[in-house]
Amino acid sequence: MRVQESRLHDDHQLLEGVHAIEQPGAGGKVEVAEVPLRRAANALLADAYVRECEKSLARWNQTLASAGLAYRLRLPSPRFHRQIGPFAGLPFRADGTLARDPAEALAELPTAADREWLAALQDGPVLERGRCASWIAAPSHAIDDRPLDFEYVRFA
């Protein structure tokens, strides 16, 4: 059983119900197919994950708006840059539209310069107990009332 699969539907609904799933169609069109819930469990969980991410982005966008910034964060389409699933290997842009060629879709991914800039912001891995990386806020409280320098993660 997958994580939280039992919370999706009762067993009788999984056997009887259907879920609409997008899939590639002819000429780059996106078609919707109704799939039995039992076969759509991964899609249901992926949809729930996307909804959670959208909630988080809404909070971040509220923070940006409160700071007087016009920029807004957005999620890429679930069709964008897939390596598994029905859209795997197809050149969809981040907005979910089909690109003319793969290079056009790949141009929306971070570049080597983007990765270098991000690495420059970070001070590398911090493996010492009780220490936080400079680019991450220190936790306001410990987990299960353990001290901050508790060995939460063991690096072997």
N, C-alpha and C. Protein backbone atom coordinates (compact mmCIF):
# COMPACT_ATOMS: atom_id res chain seq x y z
N MET A 1 0.84 -1.18 0.00
CA MET A 1 0.00 0.00 0.00
C MET A 1 0.89 1.24 0.00
N ARG A 2 0.51 2.23 -0.81
CA ARG A 2 1.26 3.48 -0.89
C ARG A 2 0.91 4.38 0.29
N VAL A 3 1.73 5.38 0.52
CA VAL A 3 1.52 6.30 1.63
C VAL A 3 0.14 6.92 1.53
N GLN A 4 -0.63 6.85 2.59
CA GLN A 4 -1.96 7.43 2.72
C GLN A 4 -2.96 6.92 1.68
N GLU A 5 -2.67 5.81 1.03
CA GLU A 5 -3.60 5.27 0.04
C GLU A 5 -4.93 4.91 0.67
N SER A 6 -4.89 4.41 1.91
CA SER A 6 -6.13 4.00 2.57
C SER A 6 -7.04 5.19 2.85
N ARG A 7 -6.48 6.41 2.88
CA ARG A 7 -7.29 7.60 3.14
C ARG A 7 -7.97 8.11 1.87
N LEU A 8 -7.60 7.60 0.72
CA LEU A 8 -8.15 8.11 -0.53
C LEU A 8 -9.64 7.80 -0.66
N HIS A 9 -9.98 6.56 -0.54
CA HIS A 9 -11.36 6.12 -0.70
C HIS A 9 -11.53 4.80 0.03
N ASP A 10 -12.78 4.46 0.31
CA ASP A 10 -13.05 3.14 0.85
C ASP A 10 -12.77 2.11 -0.24
N ASP A 11 -12.50 0.87 0.16
CA ASP A 11 -12.18 -0.17 -0.81
C ASP A 11 -13.26 -0.32 -1.87
N HIS A 12 -14.54 -0.27 -1.48
CA HIS A 12 -15.60 -0.45 -2.48
C HIS A 12 -15.59 0.68 -3.51
N GLN A 13 -15.19 1.89 -3.10
CA GLN A 13 -15.09 3.00 -4.05
C GLN A 13 -13.91 2.80 -4.99
N LEU A 14 -12.82 2.25 -4.46
CA LEU A 14 -11.67 1.99 -5.31
C LEU A 14 -11.99 0.97 -6.40
N LEU A 15 -12.89 0.05 -6.10
CA LEU A 15 -13.26 -0.96 -7.08
C LEU A 15 -14.28 -0.42 -8.08
N GLU A 16 -15.12 0.52 -7.66
CA GLU A 16 -16.23 0.96 -8.50
C GLU A 16 -16.01 2.33 -9.15
N GLY A 17 -15.25 3.21 -8.51
CA GLY A 17 -15.13 4.58 -8.98
C GLY A 17 -14.14 4.76 -10.11
N VAL A 18 -14.12 5.96 -10.67
CA VAL A 18 -13.17 6.32 -11.72
C VAL A 18 -12.54 7.67 -11.38
N HIS A 19 -11.40 7.94 -12.01
CA HIS A 19 -10.69 9.20 -11.82
C HIS A 19 -10.24 9.69 -13.18
N ALA A 20 -10.39 10.98 -13.45
CA ALA A 20 -9.97 11.55 -14.73
C ALA A 20 -8.47 11.78 -14.72
N ILE A 21 -7.79 11.26 -15.72
CA ILE A 21 -6.33 11.40 -15.83
C ILE A 21 -6.00 11.98 -17.20
N GLU A 22 -5.12 12.97 -17.21
CA GLU A 22 -4.65 13.52 -18.48
C GLU A 22 -3.66 12.56 -19.13
N GLN A 23 -3.71 12.51 -20.45
CA GLN A 23 -2.74 11.71 -21.20
C GLN A 23 -2.53 12.36 -22.56
N PRO A 24 -1.37 12.11 -23.16
CA PRO A 24 -1.12 12.71 -24.47
C PRO A 24 -2.02 12.10 -25.53
N GLY A 25 -2.51 12.96 -26.41
CA GLY A 25 -3.34 12.50 -27.52
C GLY A 25 -2.68 12.83 -28.84
N ALA A 26 -3.42 12.69 -29.90
CA ALA A 26 -2.90 12.93 -31.24
C ALA A 26 -2.59 14.40 -31.45
N GLY A 27 -1.49 14.67 -32.16
CA GLY A 27 -1.13 16.03 -32.51
C GLY A 27 -0.77 16.93 -31.34
N GLY A 28 -0.31 16.34 -30.25
CA GLY A 28 0.09 17.14 -29.10
C GLY A 28 -1.07 17.60 -28.22
N LYS A 29 -2.25 17.17 -28.53
CA LYS A 29 -3.41 17.51 -27.70
C LYS A 29 -3.38 16.69 -26.41
N VAL A 30 -3.93 17.26 -25.37
CA VAL A 30 -4.04 16.55 -24.10
C VAL A 30 -5.46 16.03 -24.00
N GLU A 31 -5.58 14.73 -23.76
CA GLU A 31 -6.88 14.10 -23.62
C GLU A 31 -7.09 13.69 -22.16
N VAL A 32 -8.33 13.55 -21.79
CA VAL A 32 -8.66 13.11 -20.44
C VAL A 32 -9.33 11.75 -20.55
N ALA A 33 -8.81 10.80 -19.79
CA ALA A 33 -9.37 9.44 -19.77
C ALA A 33 -9.84 9.13 -18.36
N GLU A 34 -10.96 8.45 -18.26
CA GLU A 34 -11.44 8.00 -16.96
C GLU A 34 -10.86 6.61 -16.70
N VAL A 35 -10.16 6.51 -15.57
CA VAL A 35 -9.45 5.29 -15.20
C VAL A 35 -10.04 4.77 -13.90
N PRO A 36 -10.19 3.45 -13.75
CA PRO A 36 -10.67 2.92 -12.48
C PRO A 36 -9.79 3.41 -11.32
N LEU A 37 -10.42 3.76 -10.21
CA LEU A 37 -9.68 4.31 -9.07
C LEU A 37 -8.53 3.41 -8.62
N ARG A 38 -8.73 2.11 -8.68
CA ARG A 38 -7.68 1.19 -8.24
C ARG A 38 -6.41 1.40 -9.07
N ARG A 39 -6.56 1.68 -10.37
CA ARG A 39 -5.41 1.91 -11.24
C ARG A 39 -4.91 3.35 -11.15
N ALA A 40 -5.73 4.25 -10.60
CA ALA A 40 -5.37 5.66 -10.55
C ALA A 40 -4.83 6.10 -9.20
N ALA A 41 -4.49 5.16 -8.34
CA ALA A 41 -4.05 5.52 -6.98
C ALA A 41 -2.83 6.44 -7.02
N ASN A 42 -1.85 6.17 -7.89
CA ASN A 42 -0.68 7.04 -7.98
C ASN A 42 -1.07 8.45 -8.42
N ALA A 43 -1.97 8.54 -9.38
CA ALA A 43 -2.41 9.85 -9.86
C ALA A 43 -3.16 10.61 -8.76
N LEU A 44 -3.96 9.90 -7.98
CA LEU A 44 -4.67 10.55 -6.87
C LEU A 44 -3.69 11.11 -5.86
N LEU A 45 -2.66 10.34 -5.54
CA LEU A 45 -1.66 10.81 -4.58
C LEU A 45 -0.86 11.97 -5.16
N ALA A 46 -0.53 11.90 -6.45
CA ALA A 46 0.19 13.00 -7.08
C ALA A 46 -0.67 14.27 -7.08
N ASP A 47 -1.96 14.12 -7.36
CA ASP A 47 -2.87 15.28 -7.33
C ASP A 47 -2.92 15.89 -5.93
N ALA A 48 -2.95 15.05 -4.90
CA ALA A 48 -2.97 15.55 -3.53
C ALA A 48 -1.68 16.29 -3.21
N TYR A 49 -0.56 15.77 -3.69
CA TYR A 49 0.74 16.43 -3.49
C TYR A 49 0.75 17.81 -4.15
N VAL A 50 0.24 17.89 -5.37
CA VAL A 50 0.19 19.17 -6.08
C VAL A 50 -0.68 20.16 -5.31
N ARG A 51 -1.81 19.70 -4.78
CA ARG A 51 -2.68 20.61 -3.99
C ARG A 51 -1.95 21.14 -2.76
N GLU A 52 -1.17 20.27 -2.09
CA GLU A 52 -0.39 20.71 -0.93
C GLU A 52 0.66 21.74 -1.33
N CYS A 53 1.32 21.50 -2.45
CA CYS A 53 2.32 22.46 -2.94
C CYS A 53 1.66 23.78 -3.29
N GLU A 54 0.48 23.74 -3.89
CA GLU A 54 -0.24 24.97 -4.23
C GLU A 54 -0.59 25.77 -2.97
N LYS A 55 -0.98 25.07 -1.91
CA LYS A 55 -1.26 25.76 -0.64
C LYS A 55 -0.01 26.46 -0.11
N SER A 56 1.12 25.77 -0.16
CA SER A 56 2.37 26.36 0.31
C SER A 56 2.74 27.57 -0.53
N LEU A 57 2.61 27.46 -1.84
CA LEU A 57 2.93 28.60 -2.71
C LEU A 57 1.98 29.77 -2.47
N ALA A 58 0.74 29.48 -2.16
CA ALA A 58 -0.20 30.57 -1.87
C ALA A 58 0.26 31.35 -0.64
N ARG A 59 0.76 30.62 0.37
CA ARG A 59 1.27 31.31 1.57
C ARG A 59 2.51 32.13 1.23
N TRP A 60 3.43 31.56 0.44
CA TRP A 60 4.62 32.31 0.03
C TRP A 60 4.24 33.54 -0.80
N ASN A 61 3.28 33.39 -1.69
CA ASN A 61 2.85 34.52 -2.51
C ASN A 61 2.17 35.60 -1.67
N GLN A 62 1.49 35.18 -0.62
CA GLN A 62 0.91 36.16 0.32
C GLN A 62 2.02 36.95 1.00
N THR A 63 3.09 36.27 1.39
CA THR A 63 4.23 36.92 2.01
C THR A 63 4.87 37.91 1.04
N LEU A 64 5.03 37.50 -0.22
CA LEU A 64 5.59 38.40 -1.23
C LEU A 64 4.70 39.63 -1.41
N ALA A 65 3.39 39.43 -1.46
CA ALA A 65 2.46 40.55 -1.63
C ALA A 65 2.53 41.47 -0.42
N SER A 66 2.60 40.91 0.78
CA SER A 66 2.68 41.73 2.00
C SER A 66 3.95 42.56 2.03
N ALA A 67 5.02 42.05 1.39
CA ALA A 67 6.28 42.78 1.34
C ALA A 67 6.29 43.82 0.20
N GLY A 68 5.18 43.89 -0.53
CA GLY A 68 5.07 44.87 -1.61
C GLY A 68 5.74 44.43 -2.90
N LEU A 69 6.03 43.15 -3.01
CA LEU A 69 6.67 42.64 -4.22
C LEU A 69 5.62 42.13 -5.20
N ALA A 70 5.84 42.38 -6.48
CA ALA A 70 4.89 41.96 -7.51
C ALA A 70 5.13 40.53 -7.97
N TYR A 71 6.34 40.00 -7.77
CA TYR A 71 6.69 38.67 -8.25
C TYR A 71 5.85 37.62 -7.53
N ARG A 72 5.41 36.61 -8.26
CA ARG A 72 4.66 35.50 -7.68
C ARG A 72 5.29 34.18 -8.11
N LEU A 73 5.28 33.22 -7.20
CA LEU A 73 5.79 31.89 -7.47
C LEU A 73 4.66 31.05 -8.07
N ARG A 74 5.03 30.10 -8.93
CA ARG A 74 4.03 29.21 -9.51
C ARG A 74 4.64 27.83 -9.73
N LEU A 75 3.80 26.84 -9.68
CA LEU A 75 4.24 25.47 -9.92
C LEU A 75 4.30 25.20 -11.41
N PRO A 76 5.24 24.39 -11.84
CA PRO A 76 5.20 23.97 -13.24
C PRO A 76 4.07 22.97 -13.44
N SER A 77 3.64 22.84 -14.66
CA SER A 77 2.60 21.87 -15.01
C SER A 77 3.09 20.46 -14.69
N PRO A 78 2.20 19.58 -14.28
CA PRO A 78 2.59 18.18 -14.07
C PRO A 78 3.07 17.49 -15.36
N ARG A 79 2.86 18.14 -16.51
CA ARG A 79 3.34 17.59 -17.79
C ARG A 79 4.79 17.96 -18.06
N PHE A 80 5.31 18.96 -17.36
CA PHE A 80 6.62 19.52 -17.66
C PHE A 80 7.76 18.61 -17.22
N HIS A 81 8.68 18.33 -18.12
CA HIS A 81 9.94 17.62 -17.83
C HIS A 81 9.72 16.31 -17.07
N ARG A 82 8.85 15.48 -17.58
CA ARG A 82 8.56 14.18 -16.94
C ARG A 82 9.51 13.11 -17.45
N GLN A 83 9.93 12.25 -16.53
CA GLN A 83 10.73 11.09 -16.91
C GLN A 83 9.96 9.79 -16.71
N ILE A 84 8.81 9.89 -16.04
CA ILE A 84 7.93 8.73 -15.88
C ILE A 84 6.50 9.20 -16.12
N GLY A 85 5.60 8.27 -16.33
CA GLY A 85 4.20 8.61 -16.53
C GLY A 85 3.86 8.85 -17.99
N PRO A 86 2.62 9.20 -18.25
CA PRO A 86 2.16 9.32 -19.64
C PRO A 86 2.84 10.44 -20.43
N PHE A 87 3.38 11.45 -19.77
CA PHE A 87 4.02 12.57 -20.46
C PHE A 87 5.55 12.45 -20.49
N ALA A 88 6.08 11.29 -20.11
CA ALA A 88 7.53 11.09 -20.07
C ALA A 88 8.15 11.32 -21.45
N GLY A 89 9.20 12.14 -21.45
CA GLY A 89 9.95 12.37 -22.67
C GLY A 89 9.31 13.31 -23.67
N LEU A 90 8.14 13.82 -23.37
CA LEU A 90 7.46 14.74 -24.29
C LEU A 90 7.84 16.18 -23.96
N PRO A 91 8.01 17.03 -24.97
CA PRO A 91 8.52 18.39 -24.74
C PRO A 91 7.45 19.40 -24.31
N PHE A 92 6.94 19.25 -23.10
CA PHE A 92 5.97 20.22 -22.59
C PHE A 92 6.71 21.32 -21.84
N ARG A 93 6.24 22.55 -22.00
CA ARG A 93 6.80 23.70 -21.29
C ARG A 93 6.28 23.70 -19.85
N ALA A 94 6.86 24.56 -19.05
CA ALA A 94 6.45 24.67 -17.64
C ALA A 94 5.00 25.07 -17.50
N ASP A 95 4.45 25.80 -18.49
CA ASP A 95 3.04 26.20 -18.41
C ASP A 95 2.09 25.10 -18.89
N GLY A 96 2.63 23.95 -19.31
CA GLY A 96 1.81 22.81 -19.72
C GLY A 96 1.51 22.75 -21.20
N THR A 97 1.99 23.71 -21.98
CA THR A 97 1.76 23.67 -23.42
C THR A 97 2.87 22.89 -24.10
N LEU A 98 2.55 22.30 -25.23
CA LEU A 98 3.52 21.51 -25.97
C LEU A 98 4.48 22.43 -26.70
N ALA A 99 5.77 22.19 -26.55
CA ALA A 99 6.80 22.97 -27.25
C ALA A 99 6.97 22.42 -28.67
N ARG A 100 7.54 23.26 -29.53
CA ARG A 100 7.80 22.83 -30.91
C ARG A 100 8.87 21.74 -30.96
N ASP A 101 9.85 21.84 -30.06
CA ASP A 101 10.91 20.84 -30.03
C ASP A 101 11.42 20.71 -28.59
N PRO A 102 12.11 19.63 -28.28
CA PRO A 102 12.59 19.40 -26.91
C PRO A 102 13.48 20.52 -26.37
N ALA A 103 14.31 21.11 -27.23
CA ALA A 103 15.22 22.16 -26.76
C ALA A 103 14.45 23.36 -26.21
N GLU A 104 13.32 23.66 -26.81
CA GLU A 104 12.50 24.79 -26.35
C GLU A 104 11.98 24.53 -24.93
N ALA A 105 11.54 23.31 -24.66
CA ALA A 105 11.05 22.97 -23.32
C ALA A 105 12.20 22.93 -22.32
N LEU A 106 13.34 22.36 -22.73
CA LEU A 106 14.49 22.24 -21.82
C LEU A 106 15.08 23.60 -21.48
N ALA A 107 14.84 24.60 -22.31
CA ALA A 107 15.36 25.95 -22.05
C ALA A 107 14.75 26.54 -20.78
N GLU A 108 13.66 25.98 -20.30
CA GLU A 108 13.02 26.48 -19.09
C GLU A 108 13.62 25.89 -17.82
N LEU A 109 14.50 24.92 -17.96
CA LEU A 109 15.16 24.32 -16.79
C LEU A 109 16.31 25.22 -16.33
N PRO A 110 16.73 25.08 -15.07
CA PRO A 110 17.87 25.89 -14.60
C PRO A 110 19.12 25.62 -15.43
N THR A 111 19.87 26.68 -15.68
CA THR A 111 21.11 26.57 -16.44
C THR A 111 22.27 26.30 -15.48
N ALA A 112 23.44 26.05 -16.04
CA ALA A 112 24.64 25.87 -15.22
C ALA A 112 24.90 27.14 -14.41
N ALA A 113 24.67 28.30 -15.02
CA ALA A 113 24.86 29.58 -14.30
C ALA A 113 23.88 29.70 -13.14
N ASP A 114 22.64 29.24 -13.34
CA ASP A 114 21.65 29.25 -12.26
C ASP A 114 22.11 28.38 -11.10
N ARG A 115 22.63 27.20 -11.42
CA ARG A 115 23.11 26.29 -10.38
C ARG A 115 24.32 26.86 -9.64
N GLU A 116 25.20 27.52 -10.37
CA GLU A 116 26.36 28.16 -9.74
C GLU A 116 25.92 29.27 -8.79
N TRP A 117 24.96 30.08 -9.22
CA TRP A 117 24.44 31.17 -8.38
C TRP A 117 23.84 30.61 -7.10
N LEU A 118 23.05 29.54 -7.22
CA LEU A 118 22.44 28.93 -6.05
C LEU A 118 23.50 28.35 -5.12
N ALA A 119 24.49 27.69 -5.68
CA ALA A 119 25.57 27.13 -4.86
C ALA A 119 26.32 28.23 -4.12
N ALA A 120 26.47 29.41 -4.75
CA ALA A 120 27.17 30.52 -4.11
C ALA A 120 26.39 31.06 -2.92
N LEU A 121 25.07 30.91 -2.93
CA LEU A 121 24.25 31.36 -1.81
C LEU A 121 24.38 30.44 -0.60
N GLN A 122 24.68 29.20 -0.88
CA GLN A 122 24.75 28.19 0.17
C GLN A 122 26.20 27.99 0.60
N ASP A 123 26.38 27.63 1.85
CA ASP A 123 27.74 27.44 2.36
C ASP A 123 28.15 25.98 2.39
N GLY A 124 27.51 25.15 1.61
CA GLY A 124 27.86 23.74 1.56
C GLY A 124 27.16 22.95 2.65
N PRO A 125 27.36 21.65 2.67
CA PRO A 125 26.68 20.83 3.67
C PRO A 125 27.22 21.11 5.07
N VAL A 126 26.33 21.12 6.04
CA VAL A 126 26.71 21.29 7.44
C VAL A 126 26.37 19.97 8.13
N LEU A 127 27.38 19.27 8.59
CA LEU A 127 27.19 17.94 9.15
C LEU A 127 27.41 17.89 10.66
N GLU A 128 27.84 19.01 11.27
CA GLU A 128 28.10 19.01 12.71
C GLU A 128 26.78 19.10 13.48
N ARG A 129 26.71 18.34 14.55
CA ARG A 129 25.52 18.37 15.40
C ARG A 129 25.34 19.76 16.00
N GLY A 130 24.08 20.23 16.03
CA GLY A 130 23.76 21.49 16.67
C GLY A 130 24.02 22.72 15.81
N ARG A 131 24.49 22.54 14.61
CA ARG A 131 24.80 23.67 13.73
C ARG A 131 23.86 23.65 12.53
N CYS A 132 23.43 24.82 12.10
CA CYS A 132 22.55 24.95 10.93
C CYS A 132 23.30 25.70 9.84
N ALA A 133 23.00 25.36 8.61
CA ALA A 133 23.57 26.09 7.48
C ALA A 133 23.12 27.55 7.56
N SER A 134 23.95 28.45 7.07
CA SER A 134 23.64 29.88 7.17
C SER A 134 22.42 30.27 6.34
N TRP A 135 22.05 29.47 5.36
CA TRP A 135 20.93 29.81 4.49
C TRP A 135 19.62 29.17 4.94
N ILE A 136 19.64 28.52 6.12
CA ILE A 136 18.44 27.92 6.69
C ILE A 136 18.24 28.52 8.08
N ALA A 137 17.04 28.94 8.38
CA ALA A 137 16.75 29.48 9.70
C ALA A 137 16.85 28.37 10.74
N ALA A 138 17.43 28.69 11.87
CA ALA A 138 17.52 27.72 12.96
C ALA A 138 16.12 27.37 13.43
N PRO A 139 15.89 26.14 13.84
CA PRO A 139 14.55 25.76 14.29
C PRO A 139 14.17 26.52 15.56
N SER A 140 12.90 26.83 15.69
CA SER A 140 12.43 27.54 16.88
C SER A 140 12.34 26.62 18.08
N HIS A 141 12.21 25.31 17.84
CA HIS A 141 12.18 24.33 18.92
C HIS A 141 12.67 22.99 18.38
N ALA A 142 13.09 22.14 19.28
CA ALA A 142 13.64 20.84 18.89
C ALA A 142 12.50 19.84 18.67
N ILE A 143 12.84 18.72 18.09
CA ILE A 143 11.87 17.65 17.87
C ILE A 143 11.78 16.80 19.12
N ASP A 144 10.57 16.53 19.57
CA ASP A 144 10.33 15.68 20.74
C ASP A 144 11.11 16.13 21.97
N ASP A 145 11.26 17.43 22.14
CA ASP A 145 11.95 18.01 23.30
C ASP A 145 13.40 17.56 23.45
N ARG A 146 14.01 17.12 22.37
CA ARG A 146 15.42 16.77 22.40
C ARG A 146 16.23 18.04 22.19
N PRO A 147 17.49 18.05 22.64
CA PRO A 147 18.31 19.25 22.44
C PRO A 147 18.61 19.46 20.95
N LEU A 148 18.89 20.70 20.60
CA LEU A 148 19.18 21.01 19.21
C LEU A 148 20.37 20.22 18.68
N ASP A 149 21.34 19.92 19.55
CA ASP A 149 22.51 19.19 19.08
C ASP A 149 22.32 17.66 19.14
N PHE A 150 21.06 17.20 19.28
CA PHE A 150 20.77 15.78 19.25
C PHE A 150 21.09 15.24 17.85
N GLU A 151 21.57 14.01 17.78
CA GLU A 151 21.92 13.42 16.48
C GLU A 151 20.65 12.92 15.79
N TYR A 152 19.91 13.87 15.16
CA TYR A 152 18.68 13.53 14.45
C TYR A 152 18.96 12.69 13.23
N VAL A 153 20.07 12.96 12.57
CA VAL A 153 20.45 12.25 11.35
C VAL A 153 21.87 11.75 11.52
N ARG A 154 22.10 10.51 11.20
CA ARG A 154 23.43 9.94 11.31
C ARG A 154 24.03 9.83 9.91
N PHE A 155 25.18 10.48 9.72
CA PHE A 155 25.89 10.42 8.45
C PHE A 155 26.95 9.33 8.56
N ALA A 156 26.84 8.33 7.70
CA ALA A 156 27.78 7.21 7.77
C ALA A 156 28.90 7.38 6.75
